[in-house]
Structure formats: C-alpha cells, structure tokens
C-alpha cells in the first residue's frame, strides 16, 4: 500500500512562492507517474502538473511558466515549485501516484495553499 504525505502549504501573498513536497512510501517510486492536482472551494479537482517515470512533464495552461514539477528518486519525493502565485491559485493541493499497468492509483491527504494579501 502506497502512502503519500504532502507538506509545504500555507499562506502567501500574491507574487510570492511556495514549494510543496510529497513523500512516497510503500512501493517502487520510480515506476509511478506522479502528479499534483488542486481543488478550490466549489470547483472540481483539476490537474496542475504531471511528471512521468522518465521525467517528462506537462502543465495546466493556467500555471505554465510559473510552476515546476520535479522528482527526486533518491528521496522518493515529488515537488511542486510555485512562483508568482495568484489569488486564483488558492486551493487544496493533492499529490497523486499512478501506474496504469498495475492499476494503482493513490492520493495524498492534501495541503492547503492560500494566496492572499
């Protein structure tokens, strides 16, 4: 059973930065596609950024150029560096680990990010 633990959320002013971390335990980190999603109040959960087991990345249009996803295989951790934050980035951010070949799909508990002056 995979466990995902997010950290790094908090309150930040518009234009500020945060780095989210997601620690992975319980299986082989390198075989999973990792991603970050977010859910704002009253809205559906949306994909923010994804990184494959090979290191390829993709981003939602709303965060391109501001957010960077990365993974550290030595630490079994995936990161989301968020720069130039906007109030509309306010949401609960969730980490996801997925491997469709073994039908595995896991979520973390979420971490709150609030962008406000």
C-alpha atoms as a PDB file:
ATOM      1  CA  UNK A   1       0.000   0.000   0.000  1.00  0.00           C
ATOM      2  CA  UNK A   2       1.416   3.332  -1.089  1.00  0.00           C
ATOM      3  CA  UNK A   3       1.381   6.264   1.317  1.00  0.00           C
ATOM      4  CA  UNK A   4       1.668   9.848   0.108  1.00  0.00           C
ATOM      5  CA  UNK A   5       2.278  12.712   2.515  1.00  0.00           C
ATOM      6  CA  UNK A   6       2.142  16.305   1.285  1.00  0.00           C
ATOM      7  CA  UNK A   7       3.723  19.260   3.030  1.00  0.00           C
ATOM      8  CA  UNK A   8       4.695  22.846   2.320  1.00  0.00           C
ATOM      9  CA  UNK A   9       1.334  24.539   2.016  1.00  0.00           C
ATOM     10  CA  UNK A  10       0.460  27.772   3.763  1.00  0.00           C
ATOM     11  CA  UNK A  11      -0.495  31.404   3.405  1.00  0.00           C
ATOM     12  CA  UNK A  12       1.456  33.539   0.947  1.00  0.00           C
ATOM     13  CA  UNK A  13       0.994  36.977  -0.553  1.00  0.00           C
ATOM     14  CA  UNK A  14       0.287  37.432  -4.258  1.00  0.00           C
ATOM     15  CA  UNK A  15       3.529  37.233  -6.204  1.00  0.00           C
ATOM     16  CA  UNK A  16       5.116  35.007  -3.592  1.00  0.00           C
ATOM     17  CA  UNK A  17       6.441  31.455  -3.816  1.00  0.00           C
ATOM     18  CA  UNK A  18       5.892  28.120  -2.127  1.00  0.00           C
ATOM     19  CA  UNK A  19       7.357  24.673  -2.620  1.00  0.00           C
ATOM     20  CA  UNK A  20       5.143  21.672  -2.000  1.00  0.00           C
ATOM     21  CA  UNK A  21       6.622  18.269  -1.234  1.00  0.00           C
ATOM     22  CA  UNK A  22       5.052  14.831  -1.478  1.00  0.00           C
ATOM     23  CA  UNK A  23       6.807  11.931   0.214  1.00  0.00           C
ATOM     24  CA  UNK A  24       6.167   8.470  -1.248  1.00  0.00           C
ATOM     25  CA  UNK A  25       6.418   5.193   0.664  1.00  0.00           C
ATOM     26  CA  UNK A  26       5.301   1.609   0.269  1.00  0.00           C
ATOM     27  CA  UNK A  27       6.326   0.676  -3.262  1.00  0.00           C
ATOM     28  CA  UNK A  28       8.825   1.405  -6.023  1.00  0.00           C
ATOM     29  CA  UNK A  29       8.672   5.168  -6.548  1.00  0.00           C
ATOM     30  CA  UNK A  30      10.302   5.082  -9.972  1.00  0.00           C
ATOM     31  CA  UNK A  31       7.501   3.123 -11.665  1.00  0.00           C
ATOM     32  CA  UNK A  32       4.812   5.646 -10.836  1.00  0.00           C
ATOM     33  CA  UNK A  33       3.650   8.675 -12.762  1.00  0.00           C
ATOM     34  CA  UNK A  34       3.393  11.464 -10.206  1.00  0.00           C
ATOM     35  CA  UNK A  35       1.151  14.484 -10.414  1.00  0.00           C
ATOM     36  CA  UNK A  36      -0.232  17.421  -8.497  1.00  0.00           C
ATOM     37  CA  UNK A  37      -3.890  18.346  -8.561  1.00  0.00           C
ATOM     38  CA  UNK A  38      -5.843  21.079  -6.835  1.00  0.00           C
ATOM     39  CA  UNK A  39      -9.384  21.733  -5.762  1.00  0.00           C
ATOM     40  CA  UNK A  40     -10.742  25.158  -4.960  1.00  0.00           C
ATOM     41  CA  UNK A  41     -13.980  25.614  -2.988  1.00  0.00           C
ATOM     42  CA  UNK A  42     -16.993  24.891  -5.166  1.00  0.00           C
ATOM     43  CA  UNK A  43     -14.862  23.667  -8.061  1.00  0.00           C
ATOM     44  CA  UNK A  44     -13.852  20.310  -9.454  1.00  0.00           C
ATOM     45  CA  UNK A  45     -10.410  18.893  -8.804  1.00  0.00           C
ATOM     46  CA  UNK A  46      -8.065  19.758 -11.658  1.00  0.00           C
ATOM     47  CA  UNK A  47      -4.698  18.534 -12.840  1.00  0.00           C
ATOM     48  CA  UNK A  48      -1.926  21.067 -12.229  1.00  0.00           C
ATOM     49  CA  UNK A  49       1.258  19.258 -13.276  1.00  0.00           C
ATOM     50  CA  UNK A  50       2.431  15.767 -14.099  1.00  0.00           C
ATOM     51  CA  UNK A  51       5.816  14.066 -14.311  1.00  0.00           C
ATOM     52  CA  UNK A  52       6.333  10.631 -15.798  1.00  0.00           C
ATOM     53  CA  UNK A  53       8.635   7.921 -14.528  1.00  0.00           C
ATOM     54  CA  UNK A  54      11.029   9.056 -17.252  1.00  0.00           C
ATOM     55  CA  UNK A  55      10.941  12.695 -16.171  1.00  0.00           C
ATOM     56  CA  UNK A  56       8.696  14.146 -18.876  1.00  0.00           C
ATOM     57  CA  UNK A  57       6.490  16.952 -17.595  1.00  0.00           C
ATOM     58  CA  UNK A  58       3.287  18.677 -18.544  1.00  0.00           C
ATOM     59  CA  UNK A  59       1.346  21.556 -17.013  1.00  0.00           C
ATOM     60  CA  UNK A  60      -2.079  23.100 -16.956  1.00  0.00           C
ATOM     61  CA  UNK A  61      -2.157  26.239 -19.091  1.00  0.00           C
ATOM     62  CA  UNK A  62      -3.003  28.328 -16.024  1.00  0.00           C
ATOM     63  CA  UNK A  63       0.318  27.500 -14.321  1.00  0.00           C
ATOM     64  CA  UNK A  64       2.739  27.194 -17.256  1.00  0.00           C
ATOM     65  CA  UNK A  65       5.804  29.323 -16.715  1.00  0.00           C
ATOM     66  CA  UNK A  66       5.070  29.734 -13.002  1.00  0.00           C
ATOM     67  CA  UNK A  67       5.048  26.193 -11.571  1.00  0.00           C
ATOM     68  CA  UNK A  68       7.684  23.492 -11.876  1.00  0.00           C
ATOM     69  CA  UNK A  69       7.220  19.832 -11.007  1.00  0.00           C
ATOM     70  CA  UNK A  70      10.227  17.655 -10.231  1.00  0.00           C
ATOM     71  CA  UNK A  71      11.032  14.334  -8.616  1.00  0.00           C
ATOM     72  CA  UNK A  72      13.941  13.071  -6.561  1.00  0.00           C
ATOM     73  CA  UNK A  73      14.314   9.313  -6.842  1.00  0.00           C
ATOM     74  CA  UNK A  74      16.878   9.182  -4.048  1.00  0.00           C
ATOM     75  CA  UNK A  75      14.392  10.772  -1.639  1.00  0.00           C
ATOM     76  CA  UNK A  76      11.206   9.228  -3.095  1.00  0.00           C
ATOM     77  CA  UNK A  77       9.740  12.706  -3.239  1.00  0.00           C
ATOM     78  CA  UNK A  78       7.965  14.824  -5.814  1.00  0.00           C
ATOM     79  CA  UNK A  79       7.977  18.606  -5.596  1.00  0.00           C
ATOM     80  CA  UNK A  80       5.895  21.459  -6.930  1.00  0.00           C
ATOM     81  CA  UNK A  81       7.711  24.776  -7.006  1.00  0.00           C
ATOM     82  CA  UNK A  82       5.119  27.539  -7.287  1.00  0.00           C
ATOM     83  CA  UNK A  83       6.236  31.053  -8.191  1.00  0.00           C
ATOM     84  CA  UNK A  84       4.344  34.260  -8.973  1.00  0.00           C
ATOM     85  CA  UNK A  85       1.374  32.973  -7.040  1.00  0.00           C
ATOM     86  CA  UNK A  86      -2.034  34.463  -7.686  1.00  0.00           C
ATOM     87  CA  UNK A  87      -5.196  34.505  -5.548  1.00  0.00           C
ATOM     88  CA  UNK A  88      -6.773  32.102  -8.043  1.00  0.00           C
ATOM     89  CA  UNK A  89      -4.119  29.523  -7.112  1.00  0.00           C
ATOM     90  CA  UNK A  90      -5.797  29.197  -3.724  1.00  0.00           C
ATOM     91  CA  UNK A  91      -6.879  25.582  -3.291  1.00  0.00           C
ATOM     92  CA  UNK A  92      -6.159  22.323  -1.553  1.00  0.00           C
ATOM     93  CA  UNK A  93      -3.297  20.680  -3.434  1.00  0.00           C
ATOM     94  CA  UNK A  94      -3.189  16.905  -3.723  1.00  0.00           C
ATOM     95  CA  UNK A  95      -0.402  14.564  -4.735  1.00  0.00           C
ATOM     96  CA  UNK A  96      -1.219  11.535  -6.887  1.00  0.00           C
ATOM     97  CA  UNK A  97       0.737   8.402  -7.771  1.00  0.00           C
ATOM     98  CA  UNK A  98      -0.476   6.291 -10.653  1.00  0.00           C
ATOM     99  CA  UNK A  99       0.647   3.188 -12.540  1.00  0.00           C
ATOM    100  CA  UNK A 100      -1.954   2.008 -15.036  1.00  0.00           C
ATOM    101  CA  UNK A 101      -0.127  -1.263 -15.786  1.00  0.00           C
ATOM    102  CA  UNK A 102      -0.756  -2.475 -12.235  1.00  0.00           C
ATOM    103  CA  UNK A 103      -3.983  -0.479 -11.845  1.00  0.00           C
ATOM    104  CA  UNK A 104      -2.581   1.532  -8.962  1.00  0.00           C
ATOM    105  CA  UNK A 105      -3.911   4.990  -8.129  1.00  0.00           C
ATOM    106  CA  UNK A 106      -3.157   6.690  -4.810  1.00  0.00           C
ATOM    107  CA  UNK A 107      -3.879  10.135  -3.332  1.00  0.00           C
ATOM    108  CA  UNK A 108      -2.397  12.109  -0.515  1.00  0.00           C
ATOM    109  CA  UNK A 109      -4.439  13.907   2.111  1.00  0.00           C
ATOM    110  CA  UNK A 110      -3.942  17.350   0.603  1.00  0.00           C
ATOM    111  CA  UNK A 111      -2.281  20.558   1.721  1.00  0.00           C
ATOM    112  CA  UNK A 112      -3.914  23.976   1.769  1.00  0.00           C
ATOM    113  CA  UNK A 113      -2.422  26.818  -0.255  1.00  0.00           C
ATOM    114  CA  UNK A 114      -3.891  30.277   0.301  1.00  0.00           C
ATOM    115  CA  UNK A 115      -2.760  33.269  -1.732  1.00  0.00           C
ATOM    116  CA  UNK A 116      -3.991  36.474  -0.175  1.00  0.00           C
ATOM    117  CA  UNK A 117      -2.808  39.893   0.905  1.00  0.00           C
END
